[in-house]
Amino acid sequence: MTFEEFLPDYLAAHSNPNTRIAHAAGTLTGLGIAAYGLLKRKPKLLLVALAAGYVPAWLSHWVIEGNQPKTFGYPLYSLRGDFVMLGRTLRGQLSNTG
């Protein structure tokens, strides 16, 4: 499977805007913590950054969407998809309806 084949299914698994908000918040928070950890040379913060990114995303799938995160089956495509979805969300290119 290519990423281009994976992406439509990934986006469909994030149809609720609240899920996308949880993903965006987690991703941006995780990136901020990772950047701080790298700048301050505190590698343990990278683990905190991963948790900050993934926990809200996974919870949003189980609580809001009622599905399993794509991360468990396709971790690298899922990570790439998250950044694509984040960019589209920030640009207002995704529907605001579930």
PDB file of N, CA and C in Angstrom:
ATOM      1  N   MET A   1       0.845  -1.182   0.000  1.00  0.00           N
ATOM      2  CA  MET A   1       0.000   0.000   0.000  1.00  0.00           C
ATOM      3  C   MET A   1       0.885   1.239   0.000  1.00  0.00           C
ATOM      4  N   THR A   2       0.533   2.194  -0.820  1.00  0.00           N
ATOM      5  CA  THR A   2       1.267   3.457  -0.860  1.00  0.00           C
ATOM      6  C   THR A   2       0.606   4.444   0.108  1.00  0.00           C
ATOM      7  N   PHE A   3       1.333   5.515   0.402  1.00  0.00           N
ATOM      8  CA  PHE A   3       0.763   6.536   1.274  1.00  0.00           C
ATOM      9  C   PHE A   3      -0.466   7.171   0.633  1.00  0.00           C
ATOM     10  N   GLU A   4      -0.424   7.365  -0.677  1.00  0.00           N
ATOM     11  CA  GLU A   4      -1.563   7.972  -1.379  1.00  0.00           C
ATOM     12  C   GLU A   4      -2.806   7.091  -1.274  1.00  0.00           C
ATOM     13  N   GLU A   5      -2.630   5.784  -1.215  1.00  0.00           N
ATOM     14  CA  GLU A   5      -3.755   4.866  -1.025  1.00  0.00           C
ATOM     15  C   GLU A   5      -4.234   4.875   0.422  1.00  0.00           C
ATOM     16  N   PHE A   6      -3.315   5.074   1.341  1.00  0.00           N
ATOM     17  CA  PHE A   6      -3.611   5.068   2.769  1.00  0.00           C
ATOM     18  C   PHE A   6      -4.342   6.333   3.223  1.00  0.00           C
ATOM     19  N   LEU A   7      -3.972   7.476   2.666  1.00  0.00           N
ATOM     20  CA  LEU A   7      -4.446   8.769   3.161  1.00  0.00           C
ATOM     21  C   LEU A   7      -5.972   8.919   3.196  1.00  0.00           C
ATOM     22  N   PRO A   8      -6.726   8.542   2.164  1.00  0.00           N
ATOM     23  CA  PRO A   8      -8.187   8.707   2.253  1.00  0.00           C
ATOM     24  C   PRO A   8      -8.811   7.942   3.421  1.00  0.00           C
ATOM     25  N   ASP A   9      -8.332   6.729   3.676  1.00  0.00           N
ATOM     26  CA  ASP A   9      -8.844   5.948   4.799  1.00  0.00           C
ATOM     27  C   ASP A   9      -8.439   6.587   6.125  1.00  0.00           C
ATOM     28  N   TYR A  10      -7.227   7.121   6.179  1.00  0.00           N
ATOM     29  CA  TYR A  10      -6.752   7.809   7.384  1.00  0.00           C
ATOM     30  C   TYR A  10      -7.633   9.017   7.683  1.00  0.00           C
ATOM     31  N   LEU A  11      -7.901   9.823   6.675  1.00  0.00           N
ATOM     32  CA  LEU A  11      -8.741  11.008   6.888  1.00  0.00           C
ATOM     33  C   LEU A  11     -10.169  10.621   7.256  1.00  0.00           C
ATOM     34  N   ALA A  12     -10.683   9.537   6.686  1.00  0.00           N
ATOM     35  CA  ALA A  12     -12.033   9.075   7.020  1.00  0.00           C
ATOM     36  C   ALA A  12     -12.116   8.642   8.483  1.00  0.00           C
ATOM     37  N   ALA A  13     -11.022   8.138   9.028  1.00  0.00           N
ATOM     38  CA  ALA A  13     -10.993   7.725  10.432  1.00  0.00           C
ATOM     39  C   ALA A  13     -10.941   8.923  11.373  1.00  0.00           C
ATOM     40  N   HIS A  14     -10.848  10.124  10.811  1.00  0.00           N
ATOM     41  CA  HIS A  14     -10.783  11.368  11.577  1.00  0.00           C
ATOM     42  C   HIS A  14     -11.888  12.313  11.105  1.00  0.00           C
ATOM     43  N   SER A  15     -13.076  11.778  10.916  1.00  0.00           N
ATOM     44  CA  SER A  15     -14.156  12.569  10.326  1.00  0.00           C
ATOM     45  C   SER A  15     -14.735  13.609  11.282  1.00  0.00           C
ATOM     46  N   ASN A  16     -14.652  13.359  12.569  1.00  0.00           N
ATOM     47  CA  ASN A  16     -15.190  14.306  13.547  1.00  0.00           C
ATOM     48  C   ASN A  16     -14.192  15.439  13.775  1.00  0.00           C
ATOM     49  N   PRO A  17     -14.637  16.683  13.649  1.00  0.00           N
ATOM     50  CA  PRO A  17     -13.697  17.802  13.844  1.00  0.00           C
ATOM     51  C   PRO A  17     -13.057  17.813  15.228  1.00  0.00           C
ATOM     52  N   ASN A  18     -13.741  17.286  16.235  1.00  0.00           N
ATOM     53  CA  ASN A  18     -13.149  17.247  17.570  1.00  0.00           C
ATOM     54  C   ASN A  18     -11.945  16.305  17.617  1.00  0.00           C
ATOM     55  N   THR A  19     -11.991  15.249  16.823  1.00  0.00           N
ATOM     56  CA  THR A  19     -10.842  14.351  16.725  1.00  0.00           C
ATOM     57  C   THR A  19      -9.669  15.079  16.100  1.00  0.00           C
ATOM     58  N   ARG A  20      -9.940  15.825  15.059  1.00  0.00           N
ATOM     59  CA  ARG A  20      -8.866  16.573  14.396  1.00  0.00           C
ATOM     60  C   ARG A  20      -8.289  17.642  15.319  1.00  0.00           C
ATOM     61  N   ILE A  21      -9.127  18.267  16.127  1.00  0.00           N
ATOM     62  CA  ILE A  21      -8.640  19.259  17.101  1.00  0.00           C
ATOM     63  C   ILE A  21      -7.740  18.586  18.127  1.00  0.00           C
ATOM     64  N   ALA A  22      -8.159  17.421  18.617  1.00  0.00           N
ATOM     65  CA  ALA A  22      -7.330  16.691  19.591  1.00  0.00           C
ATOM     66  C   ALA A  22      -5.991  16.311  18.976  1.00  0.00           C
ATOM     67  N   HIS A  23      -6.011  15.859  17.720  1.00  0.00           N
ATOM     68  CA  HIS A  23      -4.768  15.518  17.034  1.00  0.00           C
ATOM     69  C   HIS A  23      -3.888  16.753  16.865  1.00  0.00           C
ATOM     70  N   ALA A  24      -4.463  17.847  16.407  1.00  0.00           N
ATOM     71  CA  ALA A  24      -3.689  19.066  16.187  1.00  0.00           C
ATOM     72  C   ALA A  24      -3.079  19.560  17.493  1.00  0.00           C
ATOM     73  N   ALA A  25      -3.870  19.569  18.553  1.00  0.00           N
ATOM     74  CA  ALA A  25      -3.360  20.030  19.846  1.00  0.00           C
ATOM     75  C   ALA A  25      -2.227  19.132  20.331  1.00  0.00           C
ATOM     76  N   GLY A  26      -2.402  17.828  20.215  1.00  0.00           N
ATOM     77  CA  GLY A  26      -1.366  16.899  20.650  1.00  0.00           C
ATOM     78  C   GLY A  26      -0.100  17.023  19.820  1.00  0.00           C
ATOM     79  N   THR A  27      -0.264  17.117  18.513  1.00  0.00           N
ATOM     80  CA  THR A  27       0.898  17.219  17.626  1.00  0.00           C
ATOM     81  C   THR A  27       1.678  18.502  17.890  1.00  0.00           C
ATOM     82  N   LEU A  28       0.965  19.616  17.974  1.00  0.00           N
ATOM     83  CA  LEU A  28       1.645  20.895  18.212  1.00  0.00           C
ATOM     84  C   LEU A  28       2.298  20.938  19.587  1.00  0.00           C
ATOM     85  N   THR A  29       1.624  20.399  20.591  1.00  0.00           N
ATOM     86  CA  THR A  29       2.214  20.345  21.940  1.00  0.00           C
ATOM     87  C   THR A  29       3.444  19.449  21.944  1.00  0.00           C
ATOM     88  N   GLY A  30       3.320  18.290  21.316  1.00  0.00           N
ATOM     89  CA  GLY A  30       4.459  17.371  21.239  1.00  0.00           C
ATOM     90  C   GLY A  30       5.649  17.983  20.522  1.00  0.00           C
ATOM     91  N   LEU A  31       5.387  18.681  19.424  1.00  0.00           N
ATOM     92  CA  LEU A  31       6.482  19.340  18.701  1.00  0.00           C
ATOM     93  C   LEU A  31       7.139  20.416  19.560  1.00  0.00           C
ATOM     94  N   GLY A  32       6.331  21.165  20.289  1.00  0.00           N
ATOM     95  CA  GLY A  32       6.883  22.201  21.162  1.00  0.00           C
ATOM     96  C   GLY A  32       7.751  21.617  22.265  1.00  0.00           C
ATOM     97  N   ILE A  33       7.275  20.543  22.887  1.00  0.00           N
ATOM     98  CA  ILE A  33       8.061  19.899  23.951  1.00  0.00           C
ATOM     99  C   ILE A  33       9.341  19.303  23.378  1.00  0.00           C
ATOM    100  N   ALA A  34       9.242  18.679  22.202  1.00  0.00           N
ATOM    101  CA  ALA A  34      10.431  18.090  21.576  1.00  0.00           C
ATOM    102  C   ALA A  34      11.461  19.170  21.250  1.00  0.00           C
ATOM    103  N   ALA A  35      11.001  20.283  20.701  1.00  0.00           N
ATOM    104  CA  ALA A  35      11.921  21.370  20.369  1.00  0.00           C
ATOM    105  C   ALA A  35      12.599  21.899  21.629  1.00  0.00           C
ATOM    106  N   TYR A  36      11.821  22.087  22.685  1.00  0.00           N
ATOM    107  CA  TYR A  36      12.384  22.565  23.952  1.00  0.00           C
ATOM    108  C   TYR A  36      13.406  21.562  24.493  1.00  0.00           C
ATOM    109  N   GLY A  37      13.050  20.281  24.446  1.00  0.00           N
ATOM    110  CA  GLY A  37      13.959  19.246  24.930  1.00  0.00           C
ATOM    111  C   GLY A  37      15.264  19.209  24.153  1.00  0.00           C
ATOM    112  N   LEU A  38      15.176  19.389  22.845  1.00  0.00           N
ATOM    113  CA  LEU A  38      16.389  19.418  22.028  1.00  0.00           C
ATOM    114  C   LEU A  38      17.227  20.656  22.311  1.00  0.00           C
ATOM    115  N   LEU A  39      16.567  21.812  22.416  1.00  0.00           N
ATOM    116  CA  LEU A  39      17.299  23.052  22.685  1.00  0.00           C
ATOM    117  C   LEU A  39      17.984  23.042  24.046  1.00  0.00           C
ATOM    118  N   LYS A  40      17.300  22.467  25.032  1.00  0.00           N
ATOM    119  CA  LYS A  40      17.847  22.429  26.394  1.00  0.00           C
ATOM    120  C   LYS A  40      18.667  21.168  26.664  1.00  0.00           C
ATOM    121  N   ARG A  41      18.786  20.320  25.631  1.00  0.00           N
ATOM    122  CA  ARG A  41      19.546  19.067  25.756  1.00  0.00           C
ATOM    123  C   ARG A  41      19.015  18.200  26.891  1.00  0.00           C
ATOM    124  N   LYS A  42      17.718  18.028  26.861  1.00  0.00           N
ATOM    125  CA  LYS A  42      17.044  17.173  27.838  1.00  0.00           C
ATOM    126  C   LYS A  42      16.320  16.064  27.070  1.00  0.00           C
ATOM    127  N   PRO A  43      17.048  14.991  26.738  1.00  0.00           N
ATOM    128  CA  PRO A  43      16.468  13.945  25.896  1.00  0.00           C
ATOM    129  C   PRO A  43      15.260  13.243  26.507  1.00  0.00           C
ATOM    130  N   LYS A  44      15.144  13.249  27.821  1.00  0.00           N
ATOM    131  CA  LYS A  44      13.977  12.613  28.453  1.00  0.00           C
ATOM    132  C   LYS A  44      12.676  13.316  28.065  1.00  0.00           C
ATOM    133  N   LEU A  45      12.771  14.583  27.697  1.00  0.00           N
ATOM    134  CA  LEU A  45      11.572  15.302  27.274  1.00  0.00           C
ATOM    135  C   LEU A  45      11.027  14.786  25.946  1.00  0.00           C
ATOM    136  N   LEU A  46      11.856  14.071  25.193  1.00  0.00           N
ATOM    137  CA  LEU A  46      11.363  13.503  23.935  1.00  0.00           C
ATOM    138  C   LEU A  46      10.290  12.438  24.205  1.00  0.00           C
ATOM    139  N   LEU A  47      10.429  11.717  25.298  1.00  0.00           N
ATOM    140  CA  LEU A  47       9.395  10.753  25.687  1.00  0.00           C
ATOM    141  C   LEU A  47       8.112  11.468  26.093  1.00  0.00           C
ATOM    142  N   VAL A  48       8.262  12.574  26.780  1.00  0.00           N
ATOM    143  CA  VAL A  48       7.105  13.383  27.161  1.00  0.00           C
ATOM    144  C   VAL A  48       6.431  13.922  25.903  1.00  0.00           C
ATOM    145  N   ALA A  49       7.239  14.328  24.936  1.00  0.00           N
ATOM    146  CA  ALA A  49       6.699  14.845  23.678  1.00  0.00           C
ATOM    147  C   ALA A  49       5.886  13.774  22.951  1.00  0.00           C
ATOM    148  N   LEU A  50       6.400  12.552  22.918  1.00  0.00           N
ATOM    149  CA  LEU A  50       5.651  11.459  22.280  1.00  0.00           C
ATOM    150  C   LEU A  50       4.316  11.226  22.975  1.00  0.00           C
ATOM    151  N   ALA A  51       4.342  11.212  24.302  1.00  0.00           N
ATOM    152  CA  ALA A  51       3.101  11.016  25.054  1.00  0.00           C
ATOM    153  C   ALA A  51       2.126  12.162  24.813  1.00  0.00           C
ATOM    154  N   ALA A  52       2.642  13.379  24.781  1.00  0.00           N
ATOM    155  CA  ALA A  52       1.775  14.548  24.557  1.00  0.00           C
ATOM    156  C   ALA A  52       1.128  14.492  23.188  1.00  0.00           C
ATOM    157  N   GLY A  53       1.813  13.915  22.216  1.00  0.00           N
ATOM    158  CA  GLY A  53       1.256  13.809  20.878  1.00  0.00           C
ATOM    159  C   GLY A  53       0.291  12.660  20.721  1.00  0.00           C
ATOM    160  N   TYR A  54       0.640  11.512  21.259  1.00  0.00           N
ATOM    161  CA  TYR A  54      -0.154  10.314  21.014  1.00  0.00           C
ATOM    162  C   TYR A  54      -1.342  10.122  21.949  1.00  0.00           C
ATOM    163  N   VAL A  55      -1.210  10.452  23.221  1.00  0.00           N
ATOM    164  CA  VAL A  55      -2.309  10.187  24.161  1.00  0.00           C
ATOM    165  C   VAL A  55      -3.604  10.901  23.761  1.00  0.00           C
ATOM    166  N   PRO A  56      -3.589  12.203  23.475  1.00  0.00           N
ATOM    167  CA  PRO A  56      -4.845  12.846  23.064  1.00  0.00           C
ATOM    168  C   PRO A  56      -5.399  12.264  21.760  1.00  0.00           C
ATOM    169  N   ALA A  57      -4.504  11.923  20.844  1.00  0.00           N
ATOM    170  CA  ALA A  57      -4.946  11.368  19.560  1.00  0.00           C
ATOM    171  C   ALA A  57      -5.624  10.019  19.769  1.00  0.00           C
ATOM    172  N   TRP A  58      -4.988   9.138  20.517  1.00  0.00           N
ATOM    173  CA  TRP A  58      -5.572   7.811  20.749  1.00  0.00           C
ATOM    174  C   TRP A  58      -6.885   7.916  21.511  1.00  0.00           C
ATOM    175  N   LEU A  59      -6.911   8.759  22.530  1.00  0.00           N
ATOM    176  CA  LEU A  59      -8.156   8.924  23.290  1.00  0.00           C
ATOM    177  C   LEU A  59      -9.279   9.439  22.403  1.00  0.00           C
ATOM    178  N   SER A  60      -8.950  10.332  21.480  1.00  0.00           N
ATOM    179  CA  SER A  60      -9.987  10.866  20.596  1.00  0.00           C
ATOM    180  C   SER A  60     -10.570   9.769  19.710  1.00  0.00           C
ATOM    181  N   HIS A  61      -9.762   8.816  19.326  1.00  0.00           N
ATOM    182  CA  HIS A  61     -10.284   7.710  18.517  1.00  0.00           C
ATOM    183  C   HIS A  61     -11.237   6.848  19.329  1.00  0.00           C
ATOM    184  N   TRP A  62     -10.833   6.498  20.533  1.00  0.00           N
ATOM    185  CA  TRP A  62     -11.649   5.603  21.349  1.00  0.00           C
ATOM    186  C   TRP A  62     -12.908   6.282  21.871  1.00  0.00           C
ATOM    187  N   VAL A  63     -12.791   7.551  22.263  1.00  0.00           N
ATOM    188  CA  VAL A  63     -13.920   8.248  22.892  1.00  0.00           C
ATOM    189  C   VAL A  63     -14.810   8.953  21.870  1.00  0.00           C
ATOM    190  N   ILE A  64     -14.232   9.619  20.907  1.00  0.00           N
ATOM    191  CA  ILE A  64     -15.007  10.437  19.962  1.00  0.00           C
ATOM    192  C   ILE A  64     -15.390   9.647  18.714  1.00  0.00           C
ATOM    193  N   GLU A  65     -14.416   9.036  18.064  1.00  0.00           N
ATOM    194  CA  GLU A  65     -14.667   8.353  16.788  1.00  0.00           C
ATOM    195  C   GLU A  65     -15.196   6.930  16.972  1.00  0.00           C
ATOM    196  N   GLY A  66     -14.821   6.292  18.077  1.00  0.00           N
ATOM    197  CA  GLY A  66     -15.220   4.904  18.286  1.00  0.00           C
ATOM    198  C   GLY A  66     -14.494   3.946  17.357  1.00  0.00           C
ATOM    199  N   ASN A  67     -13.237   4.246  17.034  1.00  0.00           N
ATOM    200  CA  ASN A  67     -12.455   3.363  16.175  1.00  0.00           C
ATOM    201  C   ASN A  67     -11.045   3.200  16.743  1.00  0.00           C
ATOM    202  N   GLN A  68     -10.261   2.374  16.078  1.00  0.00           N
ATOM    203  CA  GLN A  68      -8.884   2.147  16.504  1.00  0.00           C
ATOM    204  C   GLN A  68      -7.946   3.094  15.752  1.00  0.00           C
ATOM    205  N   PRO A  69      -6.944   3.631  16.433  1.00  0.00           N
ATOM    206  CA  PRO A  69      -5.972   4.496  15.755  1.00  0.00           C
ATOM    207  C   PRO A  69      -5.245   3.739  14.644  1.00  0.00           C
ATOM    208  N   LYS A  70      -5.034   4.396  13.543  1.00  0.00           N
ATOM    209  CA  LYS A  70      -4.303   3.814  12.410  1.00  0.00           C
ATOM    210  C   LYS A  70      -2.836   3.585  12.764  1.00  0.00           C
ATOM    211  N   THR A  71      -2.359   4.235  13.806  1.00  0.00           N
ATOM    212  CA  THR A  71      -0.975   4.097  14.248  1.00  0.00           C
ATOM    213  C   THR A  71      -0.621   2.644  14.518  1.00  0.00           C
ATOM    214  N   PHE A  72      -1.577   1.883  15.018  1.00  0.00           N
ATOM    215  CA  PHE A  72      -1.291   0.504  15.397  1.00  0.00           C
ATOM    216  C   PHE A  72      -1.023  -0.395  14.191  1.00  0.00           C
ATOM    217  N   GLY A  73      -1.592  -0.060  13.042  1.00  0.00           N
ATOM    218  CA  GLY A  73      -1.380  -0.869  11.852  1.00  0.00           C
ATOM    219  C   GLY A  73      -0.352  -0.304  10.893  1.00  0.00           C
ATOM    220  N   TYR A  74      -0.283   1.015  10.837  1.00  0.00           N
ATOM    221  CA  TYR A  74       0.597   1.707   9.881  1.00  0.00           C
ATOM    222  C   TYR A  74       1.267   2.889  10.580  1.00  0.00           C
ATOM    223  N   PRO A  75       2.226   2.637  11.451  1.00  0.00           N
ATOM    224  CA  PRO A  75       2.778   3.736  12.266  1.00  0.00           C
ATOM    225  C   PRO A  75       3.426   4.869  11.474  1.00  0.00           C
ATOM    226  N   LEU A  76       4.197   4.556  10.444  1.00  0.00           N
ATOM    227  CA  LEU A  76       4.873   5.631   9.706  1.00  0.00           C
ATOM    228  C   LEU A  76       3.915   6.384   8.797  1.00  0.00           C
ATOM    229  N   TYR A  77       3.027   5.665   8.118  1.00  0.00           N
ATOM    230  CA  TYR A  77       2.014   6.337   7.307  1.00  0.00           C
ATOM    231  C   TYR A  77       1.110   7.180   8.195  1.00  0.00           C
ATOM    232  N   SER A  78       0.801   6.677   9.377  1.00  0.00           N
ATOM    233  CA  SER A  78      -0.063   7.413  10.289  1.00  0.00           C
ATOM    234  C   SER A  78       0.598   8.710  10.749  1.00  0.00           C
ATOM    235  N   LEU A  79       1.871   8.647  11.052  1.00  0.00           N
ATOM    236  CA  LEU A  79       2.594   9.854  11.461  1.00  0.00           C
ATOM    237  C   LEU A  79       2.606  10.874  10.323  1.00  0.00           C
ATOM    238  N   ARG A  80       2.895  10.390   9.126  1.00  0.00           N
ATOM    239  CA  ARG A  80       2.886  11.291   7.959  1.00  0.00           C
ATOM    240  C   ARG A  80       1.483  11.849   7.726  1.00  0.00           C
ATOM    241  N   GLY A  81       0.476  10.990   7.852  1.00  0.00           N
ATOM    242  CA  GLY A  81      -0.909  11.424   7.683  1.00  0.00           C
ATOM    243  C   GLY A  81      -1.307  12.469   8.697  1.00  0.00           C
ATOM    244  N   ASP A  82      -0.782  12.342   9.911  1.00  0.00           N
ATOM    245  CA  ASP A  82      -1.100  13.317  10.948  1.00  0.00           C
ATOM    246  C   ASP A  82      -0.593  14.700  10.569  1.00  0.00           C
ATOM    247  N   PHE A  83       0.592  14.764   9.978  1.00  0.00           N
ATOM    248  CA  PHE A  83       1.125  16.061   9.560  1.00  0.00           C
ATOM    249  C   PHE A  83       0.365  16.625   8.362  1.00  0.00           C
ATOM    250  N   VAL A  84      -0.054  15.742   7.456  1.00  0.00           N
ATOM    251  CA  VAL A  84      -0.883  16.196   6.329  1.00  0.00           C
ATOM    252  C   VAL A  84      -2.202  16.741   6.864  1.00  0.00           C
ATOM    253  N   MET A  85      -2.828  15.981   7.776  1.00  0.00           N
ATOM    254  CA  MET A  85      -4.102  16.410   8.345  1.00  0.00           C
ATOM    255  C   MET A  85      -3.944  17.709   9.135  1.00  0.00           C
ATOM    256  N   LEU A  86      -2.867  17.844   9.882  1.00  0.00           N
ATOM    257  CA  LEU A  86      -2.610  19.071  10.634  1.00  0.00           C
ATOM    258  C   LEU A  86      -2.526  20.264   9.685  1.00  0.00           C
ATOM    259  N   GLY A  87      -1.756  20.115   8.619  1.00  0.00           N
ATOM    260  CA  GLY A  87      -1.627  21.209   7.650  1.00  0.00           C
ATOM    261  C   GLY A  87      -2.965  21.584   7.039  1.00  0.00           C
ATOM    262  N   ARG A  88      -3.731  20.589   6.653  1.00  0.00           N
ATOM    263  CA  ARG A  88      -5.045  20.861   6.059  1.00  0.00           C
ATOM    264  C   ARG A  88      -5.997  21.469   7.074  1.00  0.00           C
ATOM    265  N   THR A  89      -5.928  21.020   8.301  1.00  0.00           N
ATOM    266  CA  THR A  89      -6.784  21.573   9.359  1.00  0.00           C
ATOM    267  C   THR A  89      -6.447  23.046   9.591  1.00  0.00           C
ATOM    268  N   LEU A  90      -5.162  23.348   9.705  1.00  0.00           N
ATOM    269  CA  LEU A  90      -4.744  24.735   9.949  1.00  0.00           C
ATOM    270  C   LEU A  90      -5.075  25.653   8.777  1.00  0.00           C
ATOM    271  N   ARG A  91      -5.119  25.094   7.573  1.00  0.00           N
ATOM    272  CA  ARG A  91      -5.480  25.885   6.389  1.00  0.00           C
ATOM    273  C   ARG A  91      -6.983  25.896   6.126  1.00  0.00           C
ATOM    274  N   GLY A  92      -7.758  25.205   6.957  1.00  0.00           N
ATOM    275  CA  GLY A  92      -9.209  25.163   6.785  1.00  0.00           C
ATOM    276  C   GLY A  92      -9.648  24.351   5.570  1.00  0.00           C
ATOM    277  N   GLN A  93      -8.866  23.347   5.215  1.00  0.00           N
ATOM    278  CA  GLN A  93      -9.167  22.564   4.023  1.00  0.00           C
ATOM    279  C   GLN A  93      -9.928  21.275   4.311  1.00  0.00           C
ATOM    280  N   LEU A  94     -10.348  21.067   5.555  1.00  0.00           N
ATOM    281  CA  LEU A  94     -11.139  19.881   5.897  1.00  0.00           C
ATOM    282  C   LEU A  94     -12.514  20.316   6.355  1.00  0.00           C
ATOM    283  N   SER A  95     -13.485  19.477   6.087  1.00  0.00           N
ATOM    284  CA  SER A  95     -14.869  19.764   6.463  1.00  0.00           C
ATOM    285  C   SER A  95     -15.002  19.927   7.974  1.00  0.00           C
ATOM    286  N   ASN A  96     -15.883  20.806   8.396  1.00  0.00           N
ATOM    287  CA  ASN A  96     -16.132  21.009   9.831  1.00  0.00           C
ATOM    288  C   ASN A  96     -17.295  20.198  10.344  1.00  0.00           C
ATOM    289  N   THR A  97     -17.767  19.260   9.551  1.00  0.00           N
ATOM    290  CA  THR A  97     -18.857  18.406   9.995  1.00  0.00           C
ATOM    291  C   THR A  97     -18.351  16.977  10.117  1.00  0.00           C
ATOM    292  N   GLY A  98     -18.997  16.228  10.995  1.00  0.00           N
ATOM    293  CA  GLY A  98     -18.598  14.848  11.233  1.00  0.00           C
ATOM    294  C   GLY A  98     -18.927  13.914  10.128  1.00  0.00           C
TER     295      GLY A  98
END
